[in-house]
Amino acid sequence: MGIRDLDIFGDSLLVINQLRKEYEVKIEDLVPCHKHALRLRDRMDIVKLEHVPRSANKTADALASLIATLLLRAEEGMTVLVYSHWILLPDDEDSEENGNTISVFETNAED
C-alpha cells in the first residue's frame, strides 16, 4: 500500500512494549505473530506506538467485550446484525453537534 509512516494505538501495554522490544514474548504461540509484526514495522520509515488505556477508548472496549461474549457462545451458533447510522440533531443555532449510534441485535430461529 506504500505506507511509510504509521501510528499504532493499542490498549494492551504488554503488546505495545513487546513491539518496542522492551519486553520479550514468552507465549510460544505468539512468537511467529510477533516476528511478523516486527518485520512489517521494520518496513516503515516512522512507526509510533502508543498505549491507550481501555478506559479512554470505550468504543473499542465495548466491541472487544461483544466479541468475547460471542466467542464464549460460539458453539451455539448465532447471527449478530450490527447496524450503525448517523443521527443529525435538530438544526439549532446554538448546536452543531452530531451523534453517532451503534445498535447490536442478536437474532435466532425462535425470534
PDB file of N, CA and C in Angstrom:
ATOM      1  N   MET A   1       0.819  -1.201   0.000  1.00  0.00           N
ATOM      2  CA  MET A   1       0.000   0.000   0.000  1.00  0.00           C
ATOM      3  C   MET A   1       0.858   1.258   0.000  1.00  0.00           C
ATOM      4  N   GLY A   2       2.138   1.121   0.198  1.00  0.00           N
ATOM      5  CA  GLY A   2       3.022   2.274   0.149  1.00  0.00           C
ATOM      6  C   GLY A   2       3.046   3.105   1.424  1.00  0.00           C
ATOM      7  N   ILE A   3       2.551   2.572   2.506  1.00  0.00           N
ATOM      8  CA  ILE A   3       2.533   3.322   3.763  1.00  0.00           C
ATOM      9  C   ILE A   3       3.944   3.360   4.336  1.00  0.00           C
ATOM     10  N   ARG A   4       4.414   4.539   4.683  1.00  0.00           N
ATOM     11  CA  ARG A   4       5.764   4.688   5.228  1.00  0.00           C
ATOM     12  C   ARG A   4       5.763   5.259   6.645  1.00  0.00           C
ATOM     13  N   ASP A   5       4.655   5.860   7.061  1.00  0.00           N
ATOM     14  CA  ASP A   5       4.533   6.497   8.380  1.00  0.00           C
ATOM     15  C   ASP A   5       3.263   5.950   9.026  1.00  0.00           C
ATOM     16  N   LEU A   6       3.408   5.302  10.183  1.00  0.00           N
ATOM     17  CA  LEU A   6       2.270   4.611  10.786  1.00  0.00           C
ATOM     18  C   LEU A   6       2.183   4.919  12.270  1.00  0.00           C
ATOM     19  N   ASP A   7       0.992   5.278  12.733  1.00  0.00           N
ATOM     20  CA  ASP A   7       0.704   5.452  14.152  1.00  0.00           C
ATOM     21  C   ASP A   7      -0.119   4.255  14.597  1.00  0.00           C
ATOM     22  N   ILE A   8       0.346   3.562  15.625  1.00  0.00           N
ATOM     23  CA  ILE A   8      -0.342   2.386  16.150  1.00  0.00           C
ATOM     24  C   ILE A   8      -0.794   2.695  17.563  1.00  0.00           C
ATOM     25  N   PHE A   9      -2.089   2.503  17.817  1.00  0.00           N
ATOM     26  CA  PHE A   9      -2.671   2.716  19.133  1.00  0.00           C
ATOM     27  C   PHE A   9      -3.186   1.373  19.629  1.00  0.00           C
ATOM     28  N   GLY A  10      -2.799   0.997  20.833  1.00  0.00           N
ATOM     29  CA  GLY A  10      -3.237  -0.286  21.373  1.00  0.00           C
ATOM     30  C   GLY A  10      -3.591  -0.175  22.840  1.00  0.00           C
ATOM     31  N   ASP A  11      -4.556  -0.994  23.275  1.00  0.00           N
ATOM     32  CA  ASP A  11      -4.961  -0.938  24.683  1.00  0.00           C
ATOM     33  C   ASP A  11      -4.235  -1.972  25.538  1.00  0.00           C
ATOM     34  N   SER A  12      -3.322  -2.726  24.950  1.00  0.00           N
ATOM     35  CA  SER A  12      -2.521  -3.669  25.716  1.00  0.00           C
ATOM     36  C   SER A  12      -1.105  -3.113  25.867  1.00  0.00           C
ATOM     37  N   LEU A  13      -0.789  -2.658  27.062  1.00  0.00           N
ATOM     38  CA  LEU A  13       0.544  -2.114  27.312  1.00  0.00           C
ATOM     39  C   LEU A  13       1.605  -3.190  27.100  1.00  0.00           C
ATOM     40  N   LEU A  14       1.271  -4.438  27.432  1.00  0.00           N
ATOM     41  CA  LEU A  14       2.201  -5.535  27.219  1.00  0.00           C
ATOM     42  C   LEU A  14       2.566  -5.665  25.740  1.00  0.00           C
ATOM     43  N   VAL A  15       1.563  -5.670  24.861  1.00  0.00           N
ATOM     44  CA  VAL A  15       1.816  -5.821  23.426  1.00  0.00           C
ATOM     45  C   VAL A  15       2.594  -4.619  22.891  1.00  0.00           C
ATOM     46  N   ILE A  16       2.234  -3.424  23.311  1.00  0.00           N
ATOM     47  CA  ILE A  16       2.967  -2.226  22.872  1.00  0.00           C
ATOM     48  C   ILE A  16       4.433  -2.340  23.281  1.00  0.00           C
ATOM     49  N   ASN A  17       4.684  -2.733  24.532  1.00  0.00           N
ATOM     50  CA  ASN A  17       6.066  -2.864  24.997  1.00  0.00           C
ATOM     51  C   ASN A  17       6.800  -4.005  24.307  1.00  0.00           C
ATOM     52  N   GLN A  18       6.088  -5.059  23.928  1.00  0.00           N
ATOM     53  CA  GLN A  18       6.723  -6.133  23.158  1.00  0.00           C
ATOM     54  C   GLN A  18       7.112  -5.637  21.775  1.00  0.00           C
ATOM     55  N   LEU A  19       6.260  -4.827  21.152  1.00  0.00           N
ATOM     56  CA  LEU A  19       6.594  -4.276  19.836  1.00  0.00           C
ATOM     57  C   LEU A  19       7.734  -3.259  19.922  1.00  0.00           C
ATOM     58  N   ARG A  20       7.878  -2.626  21.058  1.00  0.00           N
ATOM     59  CA  ARG A  20       9.005  -1.709  21.291  1.00  0.00           C
ATOM     60  C   ARG A  20      10.278  -2.467  21.666  1.00  0.00           C
ATOM     61  N   LYS A  21      10.164  -3.782  21.807  1.00  0.00           N
ATOM     62  CA  LYS A  21      11.251  -4.680  22.226  1.00  0.00           C
ATOM     63  C   LYS A  21      11.702  -4.393  23.651  1.00  0.00           C
ATOM     64  N   GLU A  22      10.820  -3.830  24.464  1.00  0.00           N
ATOM     65  CA  GLU A  22      11.121  -3.612  25.874  1.00  0.00           C
ATOM     66  C   GLU A  22      10.825  -4.864  26.689  1.00  0.00           C
ATOM     67  N   TYR A  23       9.865  -5.676  26.223  1.00  0.00           N
ATOM     68  CA  TYR A  23       9.514  -6.941  26.862  1.00  0.00           C
ATOM     69  C   TYR A  23       9.647  -8.038  25.827  1.00  0.00           C
ATOM     70  N   GLU A  24       9.951  -9.239  26.287  1.00  0.00           N
ATOM     71  CA  GLU A  24      10.009 -10.364  25.355  1.00  0.00           C
ATOM     72  C   GLU A  24       8.657 -11.074  25.312  1.00  0.00           C
ATOM     73  N   VAL A  25       8.427 -11.782  24.234  1.00  0.00           N
ATOM     74  CA  VAL A  25       7.200 -12.570  24.080  1.00  0.00           C
ATOM     75  C   VAL A  25       7.479 -13.949  24.653  1.00  0.00           C
ATOM     76  N   LYS A  26       6.757 -14.315  25.693  1.00  0.00           N
ATOM     77  CA  LYS A  26       7.002 -15.585  26.375  1.00  0.00           C
ATOM     78  C   LYS A  26       6.063 -16.697  25.937  1.00  0.00           C
ATOM     79  N   ILE A  27       4.942 -16.345  25.329  1.00  0.00           N
ATOM     80  CA  ILE A  27       3.989 -17.361  24.875  1.00  0.00           C
ATOM     81  C   ILE A  27       4.408 -17.808  23.471  1.00  0.00           C
ATOM     82  N   GLU A  28       4.817 -19.071  23.373  1.00  0.00           N
ATOM     83  CA  GLU A  28       5.382 -19.593  22.124  1.00  0.00           C
ATOM     84  C   GLU A  28       4.447 -19.429  20.924  1.00  0.00           C
ATOM     85  N   ASP A  29       3.144 -19.591  21.147  1.00  0.00           N
ATOM     86  CA  ASP A  29       2.186 -19.465  20.036  1.00  0.00           C
ATOM     87  C   ASP A  29       2.162 -18.052  19.452  1.00  0.00           C
ATOM     88  N   LEU A  30       2.563 -17.064  20.238  1.00  0.00           N
ATOM     89  CA  LEU A  30       2.533 -15.676  19.775  1.00  0.00           C
ATOM     90  C   LEU A  30       3.835 -15.222  19.123  1.00  0.00           C
ATOM     91  N   VAL A  31       4.904 -15.999  19.276  1.00  0.00           N
ATOM     92  CA  VAL A  31       6.213 -15.603  18.738  1.00  0.00           C
ATOM     93  C   VAL A  31       6.171 -15.395  17.216  1.00  0.00           C
ATOM     94  N   PRO A  32       5.573 -16.299  16.424  1.00  0.00           N
ATOM     95  CA  PRO A  32       5.530 -16.057  14.974  1.00  0.00           C
ATOM     96  C   PRO A  32       4.776 -14.767  14.611  1.00  0.00           C
ATOM     97  N   CYS A  33       3.671 -14.486  15.311  1.00  0.00           N
ATOM     98  CA  CYS A  33       2.923 -13.244  15.048  1.00  0.00           C
ATOM     99  C   CYS A  33       3.765 -12.033  15.406  1.00  0.00           C
ATOM    100  N   HIS A  34       4.487 -12.117  16.518  1.00  0.00           N
ATOM    101  CA  HIS A  34       5.339 -11.016  16.956  1.00  0.00           C
ATOM    102  C   HIS A  34       6.456 -10.759  15.945  1.00  0.00           C
ATOM    103  N   LYS A  35       7.096 -11.823  15.481  1.00  0.00           N
ATOM    104  CA  LYS A  35       8.164 -11.677  14.483  1.00  0.00           C
ATOM    105  C   LYS A  35       7.630 -11.056  13.197  1.00  0.00           C
ATOM    106  N   HIS A  36       6.451 -11.485  12.789  1.00  0.00           N
ATOM    107  CA  HIS A  36       5.835 -10.924  11.577  1.00  0.00           C
ATOM    108  C   HIS A  36       5.536  -9.438  11.766  1.00  0.00           C
ATOM    109  N   ALA A  37       4.998  -9.074  12.931  1.00  0.00           N
ATOM    110  CA  ALA A  37       4.703  -7.669  13.215  1.00  0.00           C
ATOM    111  C   ALA A  37       5.977  -6.832  13.195  1.00  0.00           C
ATOM    112  N   LEU A  38       7.080  -7.373  13.727  1.00  0.00           N
ATOM    113  CA  LEU A  38       8.349  -6.642  13.717  1.00  0.00           C
ATOM    114  C   LEU A  38       8.878  -6.470  12.295  1.00  0.00           C
ATOM    115  N   ARG A  39       8.713  -7.506  11.465  1.00  0.00           N
ATOM    116  CA  ARG A  39       9.139  -7.378  10.059  1.00  0.00           C
ATOM    117  C   ARG A  39       8.341  -6.283   9.352  1.00  0.00           C
ATOM    118  N   LEU A  40       7.034  -6.248   9.599  1.00  0.00           N
ATOM    119  CA  LEU A  40       6.200  -5.205   8.996  1.00  0.00           C
ATOM    120  C   LEU A  40       6.595  -3.823   9.522  1.00  0.00           C
ATOM    121  N   ARG A  41       6.847  -3.743  10.829  1.00  0.00           N
ATOM    122  CA  ARG A  41       7.255  -2.474  11.436  1.00  0.00           C
ATOM    123  C   ARG A  41       8.560  -1.966  10.818  1.00  0.00           C
ATOM    124  N   ASP A  42       9.484  -2.889  10.584  1.00  0.00           N
ATOM    125  CA  ASP A  42      10.785  -2.503  10.050  1.00  0.00           C
ATOM    126  C   ASP A  42      10.723  -2.011   8.602  1.00  0.00           C
ATOM    127  N   ARG A  43       9.633  -2.285   7.916  1.00  0.00           N
ATOM    128  CA  ARG A  43       9.454  -1.776   6.542  1.00  0.00           C
ATOM    129  C   ARG A  43       9.081  -0.294   6.513  1.00  0.00           C
ATOM    130  N   MET A  44       8.651   0.226   7.638  1.00  0.00           N
ATOM    131  CA  MET A  44       8.185   1.611   7.718  1.00  0.00           C
ATOM    132  C   MET A  44       9.346   2.554   8.005  1.00  0.00           C
ATOM    133  N   ASP A  45       9.192   3.785   7.554  1.00  0.00           N
ATOM    134  CA  ASP A  45      10.173   4.818   7.892  1.00  0.00           C
ATOM    135  C   ASP A  45       9.958   5.300   9.325  1.00  0.00           C
ATOM    136  N   ILE A  46       8.691   5.522   9.687  1.00  0.00           N
ATOM    137  CA  ILE A  46       8.344   6.029  11.010  1.00  0.00           C
ATOM    138  C   ILE A  46       7.190   5.207  11.564  1.00  0.00           C
ATOM    139  N   VAL A  47       7.355   4.694  12.785  1.00  0.00           N
ATOM    140  CA  VAL A  47       6.284   3.964  13.470  1.00  0.00           C
ATOM    141  C   VAL A  47       6.175   4.530  14.876  1.00  0.00           C
ATOM    142  N   LYS A  48       4.971   4.975  15.217  1.00  0.00           N
ATOM    143  CA  LYS A  48       4.701   5.489  16.564  1.00  0.00           C
ATOM    144  C   LYS A  48       3.785   4.484  17.254  1.00  0.00           C
ATOM    145  N   LEU A  49       4.231   3.983  18.402  1.00  0.00           N
ATOM    146  CA  LEU A  49       3.445   3.034  19.191  1.00  0.00           C
ATOM    147  C   LEU A  49       2.958   3.753  20.440  1.00  0.00           C
ATOM    148  N   GLU A  50       1.648   3.781  20.616  1.00  0.00           N
ATOM    149  CA  GLU A  50       1.090   4.498  21.759  1.00  0.00           C
ATOM    150  C   GLU A  50       0.067   3.638  22.489  1.00  0.00           C
ATOM    151  N   HIS A  51       0.217   3.567  23.807  1.00  0.00           N
ATOM    152  CA  HIS A  51      -0.732   2.837  24.635  1.00  0.00           C
ATOM    153  C   HIS A  51      -1.925   3.735  24.940  1.00  0.00           C
ATOM    154  N   VAL A  52      -3.126   3.204  24.718  1.00  0.00           N
ATOM    155  CA  VAL A  52      -4.365   3.907  25.047  1.00  0.00           C
ATOM    156  C   VAL A  52      -5.099   3.042  26.064  1.00  0.00           C
ATOM    157  N   PRO A  53      -5.244   3.519  27.309  1.00  0.00           N
ATOM    158  CA  PRO A  53      -5.959   2.710  28.305  1.00  0.00           C
ATOM    159  C   PRO A  53      -7.378   2.403  27.845  1.00  0.00           C
ATOM    160  N   ARG A  54      -7.864   1.236  28.191  1.00  0.00           N
ATOM    161  CA  ARG A  54      -9.224   0.847  27.786  1.00  0.00           C
ATOM    162  C   ARG A  54     -10.260   1.843  28.289  1.00  0.00           C
ATOM    163  N   SER A  55      -9.997   2.414  29.452  1.00  0.00           N
ATOM    164  CA  SER A  55     -10.955   3.388  29.989  1.00  0.00           C
ATOM    165  C   SER A  55     -11.058   4.629  29.109  1.00  0.00           C
ATOM    166  N   ALA A  56     -10.036   4.872  28.290  1.00  0.00           N
ATOM    167  CA  ALA A  56     -10.050   6.033  27.406  1.00  0.00           C
ATOM    168  C   ALA A  56     -10.604   5.691  26.027  1.00  0.00           C
ATOM    169  N   ASN A  57     -10.932   4.445  25.803  1.00  0.00           N
ATOM    170  CA  ASN A  57     -11.439   4.035  24.495  1.00  0.00           C
ATOM    171  C   ASN A  57     -12.636   3.120  24.693  1.00  0.00           C
ATOM    172  N   LYS A  58     -13.749   3.701  25.077  1.00  0.00           N
ATOM    173  CA  LYS A  58     -14.941   2.939  25.421  1.00  0.00           C
ATOM    174  C   LYS A  58     -15.509   2.159  24.232  1.00  0.00           C
ATOM    175  N   THR A  59     -15.412   2.707  23.021  1.00  0.00           N
ATOM    176  CA  THR A  59     -15.952   2.008  21.850  1.00  0.00           C
ATOM    177  C   THR A  59     -15.191   0.713  21.607  1.00  0.00           C
ATOM    178  N   ALA A  60     -13.863   0.782  21.608  1.00  0.00           N
ATOM    179  CA  ALA A  60     -13.064  -0.430  21.385  1.00  0.00           C
ATOM    180  C   ALA A  60     -13.296  -1.436  22.497  1.00  0.00           C
ATOM    181  N   ASP A  61     -13.420  -0.956  23.727  1.00  0.00           N
ATOM    182  CA  ASP A  61     -13.663  -1.855  24.856  1.00  0.00           C
ATOM    183  C   ASP A  61     -15.017  -2.554  24.714  1.00  0.00           C
ATOM    184  N   ALA A  62     -16.031  -1.806  24.281  1.00  0.00           N
ATOM    185  CA  ALA A  62     -17.357  -2.401  24.088  1.00  0.00           C
ATOM    186  C   ALA A  62     -17.331  -3.452  22.974  1.00  0.00           C
ATOM    187  N   LEU A  63     -16.631  -3.156  21.876  1.00  0.00           N
ATOM    188  CA  LEU A  63     -16.543  -4.125  20.783  1.00  0.00           C
ATOM    189  C   LEU A  63     -15.759  -5.366  21.207  1.00  0.00           C
ATOM    190  N   ALA A  64     -14.688  -5.175  21.985  1.00  0.00           N
ATOM    191  CA  ALA A  64     -13.918  -6.318  22.475  1.00  0.00           C
ATOM    192  C   ALA A  64     -14.772  -7.184  23.391  1.00  0.00           C
ATOM    193  N   SER A  65     -15.581  -6.549  24.234  1.00  0.00           N
ATOM    194  CA  SER A  65     -16.478  -7.303  25.118  1.00  0.00           C
ATOM    195  C   SER A  65     -17.518  -8.071  24.315  1.00  0.00           C
ATOM    196  N   LEU A  66     -18.053  -7.441  23.267  1.00  0.00           N
ATOM    197  CA  LEU A  66     -19.029  -8.111  22.410  1.00  0.00           C
ATOM    198  C   LEU A  66     -18.414  -9.341  21.759  1.00  0.00           C
ATOM    199  N   ILE A  67     -17.231  -9.205  21.204  1.00  0.00           N
ATOM    200  CA  ILE A  67     -16.570 -10.335  20.553  1.00  0.00           C
ATOM    201  C   ILE A  67     -16.288 -11.446  21.558  1.00  0.00           C
ATOM    202  N   ALA A  68     -15.818 -11.078  22.754  1.00  0.00           N
ATOM    203  CA  ALA A  68     -15.553 -12.093  23.780  1.00  0.00           C
ATOM    204  C   ALA A  68     -16.829 -12.846  24.129  1.00  0.00           C
ATOM    205  N   THR A  69     -17.929 -12.137  24.235  1.00  0.00           N
ATOM    206  CA  THR A  69     -19.212 -12.766  24.536  1.00  0.00           C
ATOM    207  C   THR A  69     -19.625 -13.716  23.418  1.00  0.00           C
ATOM    208  N   LEU A  70     -19.451 -13.281  22.186  1.00  0.00           N
ATOM    209  CA  LEU A  70     -19.816 -14.126  21.049  1.00  0.00           C
ATOM    210  C   LEU A  70     -18.949 -15.371  20.984  1.00  0.00           C
ATOM    211  N   LEU A  71     -17.666 -15.230  21.269  1.00  0.00           N
ATOM    212  CA  LEU A  71     -16.775 -16.384  21.220  1.00  0.00           C
ATOM    213  C   LEU A  71     -17.098 -17.393  22.313  1.00  0.00           C
ATOM    214  N   LEU A  72     -17.532 -16.910  23.464  1.00  0.00           N
ATOM    215  CA  LEU A  72     -17.891 -17.824  24.539  1.00  0.00           C
ATOM    216  C   LEU A  72     -19.095 -18.675  24.159  1.00  0.00           C
ATOM    217  N   ARG A  73     -19.954 -18.137  23.300  1.00  0.00           N
ATOM    218  CA  ARG A  73     -21.164 -18.857  22.904  1.00  0.00           C
ATOM    219  C   ARG A  73     -21.072 -19.367  21.477  1.00  0.00           C
ATOM    220  N   ALA A  74     -19.866 -19.458  20.926  1.00  0.00           N
ATOM    221  CA  ALA A  74     -19.695 -19.814  19.522  1.00  0.00           C
ATOM    222  C   ALA A  74     -20.257 -21.192  19.185  1.00  0.00           C
ATOM    223  N   GLU A  75     -20.217 -22.117  20.136  1.00  0.00           N
ATOM    224  CA  GLU A  75     -20.691 -23.470  19.829  1.00  0.00           C
ATOM    225  C   GLU A  75     -22.194 -23.515  19.618  1.00  0.00           C
ATOM    226  N   GLU A  76     -22.928 -22.499  20.088  1.00  0.00           N
ATOM    227  CA  GLU A  76     -24.372 -22.471  19.925  1.00  0.00           C
ATOM    228  C   GLU A  76     -24.768 -22.029  18.526  1.00  0.00           C
ATOM    229  N   GLY A  77     -23.943 -21.268  17.885  1.00  0.00           N
ATOM    230  CA  GLY A  77     -24.265 -20.724  16.578  1.00  0.00           C
ATOM    231  C   GLY A  77     -25.270 -19.593  16.691  1.00  0.00           C
ATOM    232  N   MET A  78     -24.935 -18.443  16.178  1.00  0.00           N
ATOM    233  CA  MET A  78     -25.849 -17.305  16.252  1.00  0.00           C
ATOM    234  C   MET A  78     -25.504 -16.317  15.151  1.00  0.00           C
ATOM    235  N   THR A  79     -26.465 -15.514  14.804  1.00  0.00           N
ATOM    236  CA  THR A  79     -26.260 -14.433  13.851  1.00  0.00           C
ATOM    237  C   THR A  79     -26.397 -13.129  14.598  1.00  0.00           C
ATOM    238  N   VAL A  80     -25.424 -12.255  14.443  1.00  0.00           N
ATOM    239  CA  VAL A  80     -25.482 -10.947  15.085  1.00  0.00           C
ATOM    240  C   VAL A  80     -25.442  -9.896  13.987  1.00  0.00           C
ATOM    241  N   LEU A  81     -26.455  -9.081  13.936  1.00  0.00           N
ATOM    242  CA  LEU A  81     -26.501  -7.990  12.976  1.00  0.00           C
ATOM    243  C   LEU A  81     -26.014  -6.725  13.666  1.00  0.00           C
ATOM    244  N   VAL A  82     -25.056  -6.057  13.073  1.00  0.00           N
ATOM    245  CA  VAL A  82     -24.559  -4.803  13.625  1.00  0.00           C
ATOM    246  C   VAL A  82     -24.983  -3.702  12.667  1.00  0.00           C
ATOM    247  N   TYR A  83     -25.645  -2.702  13.205  1.00  0.00           N
ATOM    248  CA  TYR A  83     -26.197  -1.629  12.397  1.00  0.00           C
ATOM    249  C   TYR A  83     -25.696  -0.305  12.936  1.00  0.00           C
ATOM    250  N   SER A  84     -25.110   0.500  12.094  1.00  0.00           N
ATOM    251  CA  SER A  84     -24.603   1.805  12.513  1.00  0.00           C
ATOM    252  C   SER A  84     -25.216   2.869  11.617  1.00  0.00           C
ATOM    253  N   HIS A  85     -25.651   3.957  12.228  1.00  0.00           N
ATOM    254  CA  HIS A  85     -26.173   5.055  11.427  1.00  0.00           C
ATOM    255  C   HIS A  85     -25.937   6.372  12.156  1.00  0.00           C
ATOM    256  N   TRP A  86     -25.963   7.439  11.399  1.00  0.00           N
ATOM    257  CA  TRP A  86     -25.759   8.771  11.963  1.00  0.00           C
ATOM    258  C   TRP A  86     -27.106   9.409  12.255  1.00  0.00           C
ATOM    259  N   ILE A  87     -27.179  10.102  13.359  1.00  0.00           N
ATOM    260  CA  ILE A  87     -28.383  10.850  13.713  1.00  0.00           C
ATOM    261  C   ILE A  87     -28.000  12.322  13.724  1.00  0.00           C
ATOM    262  N   LEU A  88     -28.713  13.100  12.978  1.00  0.00           N
ATOM    263  CA  LEU A  88     -28.483  14.538  12.986  1.00  0.00           C
ATOM    264  C   LEU A  88     -29.451  15.173  13.964  1.00  0.00           C
ATOM    265  N   LEU A  89     -28.922  15.924  14.882  1.00  0.00           N
ATOM    266  CA  LEU A  89     -29.750  16.591  15.872  1.00  0.00           C
ATOM    267  C   LEU A  89     -30.462  17.780  15.233  1.00  0.00           C
ATOM    268  N   PRO A  90     -31.509  18.297  15.858  1.00  0.00           N
ATOM    269  CA  PRO A  90     -32.243  19.430  15.288  1.00  0.00           C
ATOM    270  C   PRO A  90     -31.310  20.576  14.943  1.00  0.00           C
ATOM    271  N   ASP A  91     -31.640  21.256  13.872  1.00  0.00           N
ATOM    272  CA  ASP A  91     -30.808  22.343  13.381  1.00  0.00           C
ATOM    273  C   ASP A  91     -31.058  23.606  14.214  1.00  0.00           C
ATOM    274  N   ASP A  92     -30.367  23.693  15.330  1.00  0.00           N
ATOM    275  CA  ASP A  92     -30.477  24.870  16.185  1.00  0.00           C
ATOM    276  C   ASP A  92     -29.296  25.789  15.922  1.00  0.00           C
ATOM    277  N   GLU A  93     -29.503  27.041  16.162  1.00  0.00           N
ATOM    278  CA  GLU A  93     -28.411  27.986  16.013  1.00  0.00           C
ATOM    279  C   GLU A  93     -27.342  27.731  17.062  1.00  0.00           C
ATOM    280  N   ASP A  94     -27.750  27.224  18.242  1.00  0.00           N
ATOM    281  CA  ASP A  94     -26.816  27.021  19.343  1.00  0.00           C
ATOM    282  C   ASP A  94     -26.097  25.674  19.272  1.00  0.00           C
ATOM    283  N   SER A  95     -26.558  24.768  18.440  1.00  0.00           N
ATOM    284  CA  SER A  95     -25.997  23.428  18.448  1.00  0.00           C
ATOM    285  C   SER A  95     -25.629  22.983  17.043  1.00  0.00           C
ATOM    286  N   GLU A  96     -24.381  22.534  16.901  1.00  0.00           N
ATOM    287  CA  GLU A  96     -23.932  21.977  15.627  1.00  0.00           C
ATOM    288  C   GLU A  96     -23.404  20.563  15.829  1.00  0.00           C
ATOM    289  N   GLU A  97     -23.879  19.876  16.876  1.00  0.00           N
ATOM    290  CA  GLU A  97     -23.373  18.554  17.202  1.00  0.00           C
ATOM    291  C   GLU A  97     -24.100  17.470  16.414  1.00  0.00           C
ATOM    292  N   ASN A  98     -23.366  16.438  16.118  1.00  0.00           N
ATOM    293  CA  ASN A  98     -23.928  15.224  15.524  1.00  0.00           C
ATOM    294  C   ASN A  98     -23.741  14.103  16.524  1.00  0.00           C
ATOM    295  N   GLY A  99     -24.625  13.124  16.500  1.00  0.00           N
ATOM    296  CA  GLY A  99     -24.483  11.968  17.383  1.00  0.00           C
ATOM    297  C   GLY A  99     -24.354  10.722  16.550  1.00  0.00           C
ATOM    298  N   ASN A 100     -23.537   9.779  16.992  1.00  0.00           N
ATOM    299  CA  ASN A 100     -23.361   8.516  16.290  1.00  0.00           C
ATOM    300  C   ASN A 100     -23.846   7.406  17.204  1.00  0.00           C
ATOM    301  N   THR A 101     -24.691   6.524  16.667  1.00  0.00           N
ATOM    302  CA  THR A 101     -25.173   5.417  17.474  1.00  0.00           C
ATOM    303  C   THR A 101     -24.844   4.102  16.781  1.00  0.00           C
ATOM    304  N   ILE A 102     -24.602   3.100  17.580  1.00  0.00           N
ATOM    305  CA  ILE A 102     -24.397   1.747  17.068  1.00  0.00           C
ATOM    306  C   ILE A 102     -25.365   0.851  17.827  1.00  0.00           C
ATOM    307  N   SER A 103     -26.150   0.085  17.090  1.00  0.00           N
ATOM    308  CA  SER A 103     -27.096  -0.832  17.704  1.00  0.00           C
ATOM    309  C   SER A 103     -26.693  -2.249  17.328  1.00  0.00           C
ATOM    310  N   VAL A 104     -26.763  -3.154  18.283  1.00  0.00           N
ATOM    311  CA  VAL A 104     -26.423  -4.549  18.038  1.00  0.00           C
ATOM    312  C   VAL A 104     -27.641  -5.389  18.373  1.00  0.00           C
ATOM    313  N   PHE A 105     -28.014  -6.270  17.442  1.00  0.00           N
ATOM    314  CA  PHE A 105     -29.175  -7.112  17.626  1.00  0.00           C
ATOM    315  C   PHE A 105     -28.763  -8.567  17.484  1.00  0.00           C
ATOM    316  N   GLU A 106     -29.222  -9.416  18.388  1.00  0.00           N
ATOM    317  CA  GLU A 106     -28.997 -10.848  18.266  1.00  0.00           C
ATOM    318  C   GLU A 106     -30.292 -11.470  17.780  1.00  0.00           C
ATOM    319  N   THR A 107     -30.179 -12.301  16.771  1.00  0.00           N
ATOM    320  CA  THR A 107     -31.377 -12.964  16.253  1.00  0.00           C
ATOM    321  C   THR A 107     -31.187 -14.466  16.384  1.00  0.00           C
ATOM    322  N   ASN A 108     -32.313 -15.164  16.475  1.00  0.00           N
ATOM    323  CA  ASN A 108     -32.256 -16.620  16.484  1.00  0.00           C
ATOM    324  C   ASN A 108     -33.493 -17.146  15.765  1.00  0.00           C
ATOM    325  N   ALA A 109     -33.529 -18.446  15.573  1.00  0.00           N
ATOM    326  CA  ALA A 109     -34.630 -19.037  14.805  1.00  0.00           C
ATOM    327  C   ALA A 109     -35.982 -18.896  15.478  1.00  0.00           C
ATOM    328  N   GLU A 110     -36.016 -18.809  16.803  1.00  0.00           N
ATOM    329  CA  GLU A 110     -37.272 -18.728  17.528  1.00  0.00           C
ATOM    330  C   GLU A 110     -37.839 -17.313  17.550  1.00  0.00           C
ATOM    331  N   ASP A 111     -37.013 -16.327  17.253  1.00  0.00           N
ATOM    332  CA  ASP A 111     -37.441 -14.932  17.355  1.00  0.00           C
ATOM    333  C   ASP A 111     -38.331 -14.551  16.183  1.00  0.00           C
TER     334      ASP A 111
END
